[in-house]
Amino acid sequence: MSNRRDILIEQATDWALEHGLVGLSLRPMAAAIGTSDRMLIYHLGSKEQLIVEILRCSTARSARELHSLPASASPRQAVFDQWRLRTTKHQSQCERLYVEASILGLFGEQPYVDEVSAMVLVWLEAVRQHLVSSGVTDQRSLEIAELVEAAFMGFELDRPLGAEEPVGLAALAQAVDLLAHAD
């Protein structure tokens, strides 16, 4: 990271991971990261572009962590390993930003509408690649990754209500194993 813009994006992302996007105000963020709201706008052009960059940075960080996850012993184990990663503090923060952006996108707010689709593609590819490295055939990997991601999103939305390991996690792992070994 050699330029001021990149540094500000990283710092703004750190701030957003701690505070969220809903009700984002540039002045408190800027003060917390040691700059001014005018400098944020100068380097990023607009509040909307700052949000886009925060979402992209958060997604890239999250995907890098999944890419660095070692291959699992089996597709079944990959589900448990991905869930364990997903429930770490950093991944949970990234997930919260994604959920906030998704909700705002559902209400038609830009830049969320466009960015959420891009975020999904980046994350889904990371999920898919880990599944392939863990024994899922390339041919079945996208449909299985989509199943895992959809189930995880449901688990995430229910997580504040219950236990760390969702009741359906073992069933999902079994389904992934069956799908990975189906003809």
N, C-alpha and C. Protein backbone atom coordinates (compact mmCIF):
# COMPACT_ATOMS: atom_id res chain seq x y z
N MET A 1 0.84 -1.18 0.00
CA MET A 1 0.00 0.00 0.00
C MET A 1 0.88 1.24 0.00
N SER A 2 0.95 1.86 -1.12
CA SER A 2 1.88 2.97 -1.21
C SER A 2 1.21 4.32 -1.24
N ASN A 3 -0.07 4.37 -1.58
CA ASN A 3 -0.64 5.71 -1.66
C ASN A 3 -1.69 5.96 -0.58
N ARG A 4 -1.94 7.21 -0.37
CA ARG A 4 -2.82 7.65 0.70
C ARG A 4 -4.24 7.10 0.54
N ARG A 5 -4.72 7.02 -0.70
CA ARG A 5 -6.06 6.51 -0.97
C ARG A 5 -6.20 5.08 -0.45
N ASP A 6 -5.24 4.23 -0.76
CA ASP A 6 -5.29 2.83 -0.32
C ASP A 6 -5.24 2.74 1.21
N ILE A 7 -4.43 3.56 1.82
CA ILE A 7 -4.34 3.56 3.28
C ILE A 7 -5.68 3.97 3.90
N LEU A 8 -6.30 5.01 3.34
CA LEU A 8 -7.60 5.46 3.84
C LEU A 8 -8.67 4.38 3.67
N ILE A 9 -8.64 3.66 2.55
CA ILE A 9 -9.61 2.58 2.34
C ILE A 9 -9.43 1.49 3.39
N GLU A 10 -8.20 1.11 3.65
CA GLU A 10 -7.93 0.09 4.68
C GLU A 10 -8.40 0.56 6.05
N GLN A 11 -8.10 1.80 6.40
CA GLN A 11 -8.50 2.33 7.70
C GLN A 11 -10.02 2.47 7.80
N ALA A 12 -10.64 2.93 6.72
CA ALA A 12 -12.10 3.07 6.71
C ALA A 12 -12.77 1.70 6.82
N THR A 13 -12.17 0.70 6.19
CA THR A 13 -12.71 -0.66 6.27
C THR A 13 -12.61 -1.17 7.70
N ASP A 14 -11.46 -0.95 8.34
CA ASP A 14 -11.31 -1.35 9.74
C ASP A 14 -12.40 -0.70 10.61
N TRP A 15 -12.63 0.59 10.37
CA TRP A 15 -13.65 1.31 11.13
C TRP A 15 -15.03 0.73 10.87
N ALA A 16 -15.36 0.49 9.60
CA ALA A 16 -16.68 -0.04 9.25
C ALA A 16 -16.89 -1.45 9.80
N LEU A 17 -15.83 -2.24 9.85
CA LEU A 17 -15.96 -3.58 10.42
C LEU A 17 -16.33 -3.52 11.90
N GLU A 18 -15.88 -2.50 12.57
CA GLU A 18 -16.21 -2.33 13.99
C GLU A 18 -17.57 -1.67 14.21
N HIS A 19 -17.96 -0.75 13.31
CA HIS A 19 -19.14 0.08 13.54
C HIS A 19 -20.30 -0.18 12.59
N GLY A 20 -20.06 -0.85 11.49
CA GLY A 20 -21.11 -1.11 10.52
C GLY A 20 -21.29 0.02 9.52
N LEU A 21 -22.22 -0.22 8.59
CA LEU A 21 -22.49 0.75 7.53
C LEU A 21 -23.78 1.53 7.73
N VAL A 22 -24.73 0.93 8.44
CA VAL A 22 -26.02 1.60 8.64
C VAL A 22 -25.78 2.89 9.42
N GLY A 23 -26.27 3.97 8.87
CA GLY A 23 -26.11 5.27 9.52
C GLY A 23 -24.71 5.83 9.43
N LEU A 24 -23.91 5.33 8.48
CA LEU A 24 -22.53 5.79 8.32
C LEU A 24 -22.46 7.29 8.14
N SER A 25 -21.66 7.92 8.96
CA SER A 25 -21.42 9.35 8.87
C SER A 25 -19.92 9.56 8.68
N LEU A 26 -19.55 10.36 7.69
CA LEU A 26 -18.14 10.53 7.37
C LEU A 26 -17.34 11.22 8.47
N ARG A 27 -17.91 12.19 9.14
CA ARG A 27 -17.13 12.94 10.14
C ARG A 27 -16.61 12.06 11.27
N PRO A 28 -17.46 11.26 11.92
CA PRO A 28 -16.93 10.40 12.99
C PRO A 28 -15.91 9.38 12.46
N MET A 29 -16.17 8.82 11.29
CA MET A 29 -15.22 7.88 10.72
C MET A 29 -13.89 8.57 10.45
N ALA A 30 -13.95 9.71 9.80
CA ALA A 30 -12.73 10.44 9.46
C ALA A 30 -11.93 10.80 10.71
N ALA A 31 -12.61 11.29 11.73
CA ALA A 31 -11.93 11.65 12.97
C ALA A 31 -11.26 10.43 13.59
N ALA A 32 -11.95 9.30 13.55
CA ALA A 32 -11.40 8.08 14.16
C ALA A 32 -10.17 7.57 13.43
N ILE A 33 -10.10 7.82 12.14
CA ILE A 33 -8.95 7.32 11.37
C ILE A 33 -7.89 8.40 11.12
N GLY A 34 -8.09 9.55 11.73
CA GLY A 34 -7.05 10.58 11.70
C GLY A 34 -7.03 11.45 10.46
N THR A 35 -8.20 11.70 9.89
CA THR A 35 -8.28 12.57 8.73
C THR A 35 -9.57 13.39 8.84
N SER A 36 -9.95 14.02 7.77
CA SER A 36 -11.20 14.79 7.75
C SER A 36 -12.14 14.22 6.71
N ASP A 37 -13.42 14.55 6.85
CA ASP A 37 -14.39 14.09 5.85
C ASP A 37 -14.06 14.67 4.47
N ARG A 38 -13.52 15.86 4.44
CA ARG A 38 -13.13 16.47 3.15
C ARG A 38 -12.01 15.70 2.47
N MET A 39 -11.07 15.21 3.27
CA MET A 39 -9.97 14.42 2.68
C MET A 39 -10.48 13.08 2.17
N LEU A 40 -11.43 12.48 2.87
CA LEU A 40 -12.02 11.23 2.37
C LEU A 40 -12.67 11.46 1.01
N ILE A 41 -13.43 12.53 0.91
CA ILE A 41 -14.09 12.86 -0.37
C ILE A 41 -13.05 13.20 -1.43
N TYR A 42 -12.01 13.93 -1.05
CA TYR A 42 -10.96 14.27 -2.01
C TYR A 42 -10.32 13.01 -2.60
N HIS A 43 -10.01 12.05 -1.76
CA HIS A 43 -9.32 10.84 -2.22
C HIS A 43 -10.27 9.82 -2.86
N LEU A 44 -11.54 9.84 -2.48
CA LEU A 44 -12.45 8.80 -2.97
C LEU A 44 -13.58 9.33 -3.84
N GLY A 45 -13.77 10.63 -3.89
CA GLY A 45 -14.76 11.20 -4.79
C GLY A 45 -16.14 11.41 -4.19
N SER A 46 -16.60 10.45 -3.40
CA SER A 46 -17.93 10.57 -2.80
C SER A 46 -18.07 9.56 -1.67
N LYS A 47 -19.09 9.77 -0.88
CA LYS A 47 -19.39 8.82 0.20
C LYS A 47 -19.75 7.46 -0.41
N GLU A 48 -20.48 7.47 -1.51
CA GLU A 48 -20.87 6.22 -2.16
C GLU A 48 -19.65 5.44 -2.63
N GLN A 49 -18.67 6.13 -3.19
CA GLN A 49 -17.46 5.44 -3.65
C GLN A 49 -16.66 4.91 -2.46
N LEU A 50 -16.65 5.63 -1.37
CA LEU A 50 -16.00 5.13 -0.15
C LEU A 50 -16.67 3.83 0.29
N ILE A 51 -17.98 3.80 0.29
CA ILE A 51 -18.71 2.59 0.68
C ILE A 51 -18.38 1.44 -0.26
N VAL A 52 -18.33 1.71 -1.56
CA VAL A 52 -17.96 0.68 -2.53
C VAL A 52 -16.59 0.12 -2.19
N GLU A 53 -15.64 0.99 -1.92
CA GLU A 53 -14.28 0.56 -1.62
C GLU A 53 -14.21 -0.23 -0.31
N ILE A 54 -14.99 0.19 0.68
CA ILE A 54 -15.05 -0.55 1.95
C ILE A 54 -15.58 -1.96 1.70
N LEU A 55 -16.66 -2.07 0.95
CA LEU A 55 -17.24 -3.38 0.66
C LEU A 55 -16.26 -4.25 -0.11
N ARG A 56 -15.59 -3.68 -1.09
CA ARG A 56 -14.61 -4.45 -1.86
C ARG A 56 -13.44 -4.89 -1.01
N CYS A 57 -12.96 -4.01 -0.16
CA CYS A 57 -11.83 -4.34 0.72
C CYS A 57 -12.22 -5.43 1.70
N SER A 58 -13.38 -5.30 2.32
CA SER A 58 -13.85 -6.30 3.27
C SER A 58 -14.02 -7.66 2.59
N THR A 59 -14.60 -7.67 1.41
CA THR A 59 -14.80 -8.91 0.67
C THR A 59 -13.47 -9.54 0.30
N ALA A 60 -12.53 -8.73 -0.16
CA ALA A 60 -11.21 -9.25 -0.54
C ALA A 60 -10.50 -9.85 0.68
N ARG A 61 -10.56 -9.18 1.80
CA ARG A 61 -9.94 -9.70 3.03
C ARG A 61 -10.56 -11.04 3.41
N SER A 62 -11.87 -11.08 3.39
CA SER A 62 -12.60 -12.28 3.76
C SER A 62 -12.27 -13.44 2.82
N ALA A 63 -12.27 -13.18 1.53
CA ALA A 63 -11.95 -14.22 0.54
C ALA A 63 -10.51 -14.69 0.69
N ARG A 64 -9.59 -13.78 0.98
CA ARG A 64 -8.19 -14.18 1.19
C ARG A 64 -8.07 -15.16 2.34
N GLU A 65 -8.81 -14.92 3.40
CA GLU A 65 -8.77 -15.84 4.54
C GLU A 65 -9.29 -17.22 4.15
N LEU A 66 -10.35 -17.27 3.36
CA LEU A 66 -10.86 -18.56 2.92
C LEU A 66 -9.90 -19.23 1.95
N HIS A 67 -9.29 -18.45 1.05
CA HIS A 67 -8.29 -19.02 0.14
C HIS A 67 -7.10 -19.59 0.90
N SER A 68 -6.79 -19.03 2.05
CA SER A 68 -5.64 -19.52 2.82
C SER A 68 -5.98 -20.71 3.71
N LEU A 69 -7.26 -21.05 3.79
CA LEU A 69 -7.68 -22.21 4.58
C LEU A 69 -7.14 -23.48 3.90
N PRO A 70 -6.41 -24.30 4.63
CA PRO A 70 -5.88 -25.53 4.01
C PRO A 70 -7.01 -26.43 3.54
N ALA A 71 -6.71 -27.24 2.55
CA ALA A 71 -7.69 -28.20 2.06
C ALA A 71 -8.15 -29.07 3.22
N SER A 72 -9.42 -29.38 3.22
CA SER A 72 -9.99 -30.24 4.26
C SER A 72 -9.85 -31.69 3.83
N ALA A 73 -9.97 -32.60 4.79
CA ALA A 73 -9.79 -34.03 4.53
C ALA A 73 -10.90 -34.61 3.65
N SER A 74 -12.05 -33.94 3.62
CA SER A 74 -13.18 -34.43 2.83
C SER A 74 -14.13 -33.26 2.57
N PRO A 75 -15.05 -33.41 1.61
CA PRO A 75 -16.06 -32.37 1.42
C PRO A 75 -16.88 -32.13 2.69
N ARG A 76 -17.19 -33.22 3.41
CA ARG A 76 -17.93 -33.10 4.66
C ARG A 76 -17.17 -32.23 5.65
N GLN A 77 -15.88 -32.50 5.81
CA GLN A 77 -15.06 -31.74 6.74
C GLN A 77 -14.90 -30.30 6.28
N ALA A 78 -14.93 -30.07 4.96
CA ALA A 78 -14.82 -28.71 4.43
C ALA A 78 -15.94 -27.82 4.95
N VAL A 79 -17.13 -28.38 5.09
CA VAL A 79 -18.27 -27.62 5.62
C VAL A 79 -17.96 -27.17 7.04
N PHE A 80 -17.48 -28.08 7.87
CA PHE A 80 -17.16 -27.73 9.26
C PHE A 80 -16.00 -26.73 9.32
N ASP A 81 -14.99 -26.93 8.49
CA ASP A 81 -13.84 -26.02 8.49
C ASP A 81 -14.23 -24.62 8.02
N GLN A 82 -15.06 -24.57 6.98
CA GLN A 82 -15.51 -23.25 6.51
C GLN A 82 -16.39 -22.57 7.56
N TRP A 83 -17.23 -23.33 8.24
CA TRP A 83 -18.06 -22.73 9.28
C TRP A 83 -17.20 -22.20 10.43
N ARG A 84 -16.19 -22.97 10.81
CA ARG A 84 -15.29 -22.52 11.88
C ARG A 84 -14.62 -21.20 11.48
N LEU A 85 -14.17 -21.11 10.23
CA LEU A 85 -13.56 -19.86 9.76
C LEU A 85 -14.59 -18.74 9.75
N ARG A 86 -15.75 -19.05 9.25
CA ARG A 86 -16.79 -18.03 9.10
C ARG A 86 -17.23 -17.44 10.44
N THR A 87 -17.08 -18.17 11.50
CA THR A 87 -17.53 -17.68 12.81
C THR A 87 -16.41 -17.02 13.61
N THR A 88 -15.25 -16.82 12.99
CA THR A 88 -14.22 -16.04 13.67
C THR A 88 -14.67 -14.58 13.75
N LYS A 89 -14.06 -13.83 14.64
CA LYS A 89 -14.45 -12.44 14.82
C LYS A 89 -14.37 -11.66 13.51
N HIS A 90 -13.25 -11.78 12.81
CA HIS A 90 -13.09 -10.99 11.58
C HIS A 90 -14.10 -11.39 10.52
N GLN A 91 -14.28 -12.69 10.31
CA GLN A 91 -15.24 -13.13 9.29
C GLN A 91 -16.66 -12.72 9.67
N SER A 92 -16.98 -12.77 10.96
CA SER A 92 -18.32 -12.34 11.40
C SER A 92 -18.53 -10.86 11.12
N GLN A 93 -17.50 -10.06 11.31
CA GLN A 93 -17.61 -8.63 11.01
C GLN A 93 -17.82 -8.41 9.51
N CYS A 94 -17.06 -9.14 8.69
CA CYS A 94 -17.23 -9.03 7.23
C CYS A 94 -18.63 -9.46 6.83
N GLU A 95 -19.12 -10.51 7.46
CA GLU A 95 -20.47 -11.01 7.17
C GLU A 95 -21.52 -9.96 7.53
N ARG A 96 -21.31 -9.28 8.67
CA ARG A 96 -22.25 -8.24 9.07
C ARG A 96 -22.32 -7.12 8.02
N LEU A 97 -21.16 -6.72 7.49
CA LEU A 97 -21.16 -5.69 6.44
C LEU A 97 -21.92 -6.18 5.22
N TYR A 98 -21.70 -7.46 4.86
CA TYR A 98 -22.40 -8.02 3.71
C TYR A 98 -23.91 -8.01 3.94
N VAL A 99 -24.35 -8.42 5.13
CA VAL A 99 -25.78 -8.44 5.43
C VAL A 99 -26.35 -7.02 5.39
N GLU A 100 -25.64 -6.07 5.97
CA GLU A 100 -26.11 -4.68 5.93
C GLU A 100 -26.23 -4.19 4.50
N ALA A 101 -25.21 -4.46 3.69
CA ALA A 101 -25.24 -4.04 2.29
C ALA A 101 -26.38 -4.73 1.54
N SER A 102 -26.61 -5.99 1.83
CA SER A 102 -27.70 -6.73 1.18
C SER A 102 -29.05 -6.12 1.51
N ILE A 103 -29.26 -5.81 2.78
CA ILE A 103 -30.53 -5.23 3.20
C ILE A 103 -30.74 -3.87 2.52
N LEU A 104 -29.72 -3.04 2.54
CA LEU A 104 -29.84 -1.73 1.89
C LEU A 104 -30.06 -1.90 0.39
N GLY A 105 -29.41 -2.90 -0.20
CA GLY A 105 -29.62 -3.19 -1.62
C GLY A 105 -31.04 -3.63 -1.92
N LEU A 106 -31.63 -4.41 -1.02
CA LEU A 106 -33.02 -4.84 -1.21
C LEU A 106 -33.98 -3.66 -1.26
N PHE A 107 -33.61 -2.58 -0.59
CA PHE A 107 -34.44 -1.37 -0.62
C PHE A 107 -34.09 -0.48 -1.81
N GLY A 108 -33.23 -0.98 -2.70
CA GLY A 108 -32.90 -0.25 -3.92
C GLY A 108 -31.84 0.81 -3.77
N GLU A 109 -31.18 0.85 -2.63
CA GLU A 109 -30.17 1.88 -2.41
C GLU A 109 -28.87 1.53 -3.13
N GLN A 110 -28.35 2.52 -3.83
CA GLN A 110 -27.04 2.36 -4.45
C GLN A 110 -26.01 2.94 -3.49
N PRO A 111 -24.82 2.48 -3.46
CA PRO A 111 -24.18 1.54 -4.38
C PRO A 111 -24.40 0.07 -4.01
N TYR A 112 -25.25 -0.17 -3.02
CA TYR A 112 -25.40 -1.52 -2.49
C TYR A 112 -25.95 -2.51 -3.51
N VAL A 113 -26.91 -2.08 -4.32
CA VAL A 113 -27.53 -2.99 -5.29
C VAL A 113 -26.46 -3.65 -6.16
N ASP A 114 -25.58 -2.85 -6.72
CA ASP A 114 -24.56 -3.38 -7.63
C ASP A 114 -23.45 -4.11 -6.90
N GLU A 115 -23.04 -3.60 -5.77
CA GLU A 115 -21.88 -4.17 -5.07
C GLU A 115 -22.17 -5.52 -4.43
N VAL A 116 -23.39 -5.75 -3.98
CA VAL A 116 -23.70 -7.02 -3.35
C VAL A 116 -23.53 -8.17 -4.34
N SER A 117 -23.96 -7.97 -5.56
CA SER A 117 -23.79 -9.02 -6.58
C SER A 117 -22.32 -9.33 -6.80
N ALA A 118 -21.50 -8.31 -6.85
CA ALA A 118 -20.06 -8.51 -7.03
C ALA A 118 -19.45 -9.21 -5.82
N MET A 119 -19.90 -8.86 -4.62
CA MET A 119 -19.40 -9.49 -3.39
C MET A 119 -19.72 -10.98 -3.39
N VAL A 120 -20.92 -11.32 -3.79
CA VAL A 120 -21.34 -12.72 -3.81
C VAL A 120 -20.44 -13.53 -4.73
N LEU A 121 -20.13 -13.00 -5.89
CA LEU A 121 -19.30 -13.74 -6.85
C LEU A 121 -17.90 -14.00 -6.31
N VAL A 122 -17.32 -13.01 -5.67
CA VAL A 122 -15.97 -13.17 -5.10
C VAL A 122 -15.99 -14.23 -4.00
N TRP A 123 -16.95 -14.13 -3.09
CA TRP A 123 -17.01 -15.06 -1.97
C TRP A 123 -17.35 -16.47 -2.44
N LEU A 124 -18.31 -16.59 -3.36
CA LEU A 124 -18.73 -17.89 -3.85
C LEU A 124 -17.57 -18.61 -4.53
N GLU A 125 -16.74 -17.88 -5.23
CA GLU A 125 -15.57 -18.49 -5.88
C GLU A 125 -14.59 -19.01 -4.84
N ALA A 126 -14.42 -18.28 -3.76
CA ALA A 126 -13.52 -18.75 -2.69
C ALA A 126 -14.08 -20.02 -2.04
N VAL A 127 -15.38 -20.05 -1.79
CA VAL A 127 -16.03 -21.24 -1.23
C VAL A 127 -15.84 -22.41 -2.19
N ARG A 128 -16.09 -22.18 -3.48
CA ARG A 128 -15.97 -23.22 -4.49
C ARG A 128 -14.56 -23.78 -4.55
N GLN A 129 -13.57 -22.91 -4.56
CA GLN A 129 -12.19 -23.36 -4.66
C GLN A 129 -11.79 -24.21 -3.45
N HIS A 130 -12.24 -23.82 -2.27
CA HIS A 130 -11.92 -24.62 -1.09
C HIS A 130 -12.59 -25.99 -1.18
N LEU A 131 -13.80 -26.03 -1.65
CA LEU A 131 -14.49 -27.31 -1.81
C LEU A 131 -13.76 -28.20 -2.81
N VAL A 132 -13.30 -27.64 -3.90
CA VAL A 132 -12.55 -28.41 -4.90
C VAL A 132 -11.26 -28.95 -4.29
N SER A 133 -10.56 -28.12 -3.55
CA SER A 133 -9.31 -28.58 -2.93
C SER A 133 -9.57 -29.65 -1.87
N SER A 134 -10.83 -29.76 -1.44
CA SER A 134 -11.21 -30.72 -0.40
C SER A 134 -11.92 -31.95 -0.96
N GLY A 135 -11.91 -32.10 -2.28
CA GLY A 135 -12.42 -33.33 -2.87
C GLY A 135 -13.69 -33.23 -3.69
N VAL A 136 -14.29 -32.06 -3.80
CA VAL A 136 -15.47 -31.90 -4.65
C VAL A 136 -15.00 -31.75 -6.09
N THR A 137 -15.66 -32.45 -7.01
CA THR A 137 -15.28 -32.32 -8.42
C THR A 137 -15.57 -30.91 -8.91
N ASP A 138 -14.78 -30.48 -9.84
CA ASP A 138 -14.98 -29.16 -10.42
C ASP A 138 -16.38 -29.05 -11.02
N GLN A 139 -16.84 -30.14 -11.61
CA GLN A 139 -18.15 -30.18 -12.25
C GLN A 139 -19.29 -29.88 -11.28
N ARG A 140 -19.21 -30.37 -10.07
CA ARG A 140 -20.28 -30.18 -9.08
C ARG A 140 -20.01 -29.01 -8.14
N SER A 141 -18.84 -28.42 -8.23
CA SER A 141 -18.40 -27.45 -7.22
C SER A 141 -19.26 -26.21 -7.11
N LEU A 142 -19.75 -25.69 -8.22
CA LEU A 142 -20.53 -24.45 -8.13
C LEU A 142 -21.87 -24.70 -7.44
N GLU A 143 -22.58 -25.76 -7.83
CA GLU A 143 -23.87 -26.01 -7.19
C GLU A 143 -23.71 -26.32 -5.71
N ILE A 144 -22.65 -27.04 -5.35
CA ILE A 144 -22.42 -27.34 -3.93
C ILE A 144 -22.02 -26.08 -3.18
N ALA A 145 -21.19 -25.25 -3.78
CA ALA A 145 -20.80 -23.98 -3.15
C ALA A 145 -22.03 -23.10 -2.93
N GLU A 146 -22.94 -23.06 -3.89
CA GLU A 146 -24.16 -22.27 -3.73
C GLU A 146 -25.02 -22.81 -2.60
N LEU A 147 -25.11 -24.13 -2.47
CA LEU A 147 -25.86 -24.74 -1.37
C LEU A 147 -25.22 -24.37 -0.02
N VAL A 148 -23.91 -24.53 0.07
CA VAL A 148 -23.20 -24.21 1.31
C VAL A 148 -23.41 -22.74 1.67
N GLU A 149 -23.26 -21.87 0.70
CA GLU A 149 -23.39 -20.43 0.97
C GLU A 149 -24.82 -20.09 1.40
N ALA A 150 -25.81 -20.65 0.74
CA ALA A 150 -27.20 -20.37 1.11
C ALA A 150 -27.50 -20.86 2.53
N ALA A 151 -27.03 -22.06 2.84
CA ALA A 151 -27.25 -22.60 4.19
C ALA A 151 -26.51 -21.76 5.23
N PHE A 152 -25.26 -21.42 4.94
CA PHE A 152 -24.50 -20.60 5.89
C PHE A 152 -25.18 -19.26 6.13
N MET A 153 -25.72 -18.66 5.08
CA MET A 153 -26.39 -17.37 5.26
C MET A 153 -27.59 -17.53 6.20
N GLY A 154 -28.34 -18.60 6.02
CA GLY A 154 -29.45 -18.86 6.94
C GLY A 154 -28.96 -19.08 8.36
N PHE A 155 -27.88 -19.84 8.50
CA PHE A 155 -27.31 -20.07 9.83
C PHE A 155 -26.87 -18.75 10.45
N GLU A 156 -26.24 -17.90 9.64
CA GLU A 156 -25.75 -16.61 10.14
C GLU A 156 -26.90 -15.74 10.65
N LEU A 157 -27.99 -15.73 9.91
CA LEU A 157 -29.12 -14.90 10.31
C LEU A 157 -29.76 -15.40 11.60
N ASP A 158 -29.68 -16.71 11.84
CA ASP A 158 -30.23 -17.28 13.07
C ASP A 158 -29.22 -17.29 14.22
N ARG A 159 -27.95 -17.10 13.92
CA ARG A 159 -26.90 -17.25 14.92
C ARG A 159 -27.06 -16.40 16.17
N PRO A 160 -27.47 -15.16 16.07
CA PRO A 160 -27.62 -14.40 17.30
C PRO A 160 -28.67 -14.99 18.24
N LEU A 161 -29.53 -15.85 17.71
CA LEU A 161 -30.61 -16.42 18.50
C LEU A 161 -30.22 -17.69 19.24
N GLY A 162 -29.10 -18.32 18.84
CA GLY A 162 -28.83 -19.62 19.42
C GLY A 162 -27.37 -19.94 19.58
N ALA A 163 -27.10 -21.22 19.48
CA ALA A 163 -25.77 -21.77 19.75
C ALA A 163 -24.78 -21.43 18.64
N GLU A 164 -23.51 -21.62 18.96
CA GLU A 164 -22.44 -21.38 17.99
C GLU A 164 -22.53 -22.31 16.79
N GLU A 165 -22.81 -23.60 17.04
CA GLU A 165 -22.92 -24.54 15.93
C GLU A 165 -24.39 -24.78 15.63
N PRO A 166 -24.83 -24.39 14.45
CA PRO A 166 -26.25 -24.54 14.11
C PRO A 166 -26.67 -26.01 14.06
N VAL A 167 -27.91 -26.24 14.38
CA VAL A 167 -28.46 -27.59 14.37
C VAL A 167 -28.30 -28.23 12.99
N GLY A 168 -28.47 -27.47 11.93
CA GLY A 168 -28.42 -28.01 10.58
C GLY A 168 -27.04 -28.19 9.99
N LEU A 169 -25.99 -27.83 10.73
CA LEU A 169 -24.64 -27.90 10.18
C LEU A 169 -24.25 -29.33 9.83
N ALA A 170 -24.51 -30.28 10.70
CA ALA A 170 -24.15 -31.68 10.43
C ALA A 170 -24.94 -32.21 9.24
N ALA A 171 -26.21 -31.84 9.13
CA ALA A 171 -27.03 -32.27 7.99
C ALA A 171 -26.50 -31.68 6.69
N LEU A 172 -26.08 -30.41 6.73
CA LEU A 172 -25.49 -29.79 5.55
C LEU A 172 -24.21 -30.52 5.15
N ALA A 173 -23.37 -30.82 6.12
CA ALA A 173 -22.11 -31.52 5.83
C ALA A 173 -22.38 -32.87 5.19
N GLN A 174 -23.37 -33.59 5.70
CA GLN A 174 -23.74 -34.89 5.14
C GLN A 174 -24.26 -34.72 3.71
N ALA A 175 -25.11 -33.72 3.48
CA ALA A 175 -25.64 -33.48 2.13
C ALA A 175 -24.52 -33.14 1.15
N VAL A 176 -23.56 -32.32 1.58
CA VAL A 176 -22.43 -31.97 0.72
C VAL A 176 -21.63 -33.22 0.39
N ASP A 177 -21.39 -34.06 1.38
CA ASP A 177 -20.65 -35.29 1.14
C ASP A 177 -21.38 -36.18 0.13
N LEU A 178 -22.69 -36.32 0.29
CA LEU A 178 -23.47 -37.14 -0.65
C LEU A 178 -23.43 -36.55 -2.04
N LEU A 179 -23.61 -35.25 -2.16
CA LEU A 179 -23.58 -34.60 -3.48
C LEU A 179 -22.20 -34.71 -4.12
N ALA A 180 -21.17 -34.59 -3.31
CA ALA A 180 -19.81 -34.65 -3.85
C ALA A 180 -19.48 -36.03 -4.40
N HIS A 181 -20.12 -37.05 -3.87
CA HIS A 181 -19.84 -38.42 -4.30
C HIS A 181 -20.93 -39.02 -5.18
N ALA A 182 -21.93 -38.21 -5.56
CA ALA A 182 -23.01 -38.69 -6.44
C ALA A 182 -22.49 -38.73 -7.88
N ASP A 183 -23.09 -39.59 -8.64
CA ASP A 183 -22.70 -39.70 -10.07
C ASP A 183 -23.07 -38.49 -10.82
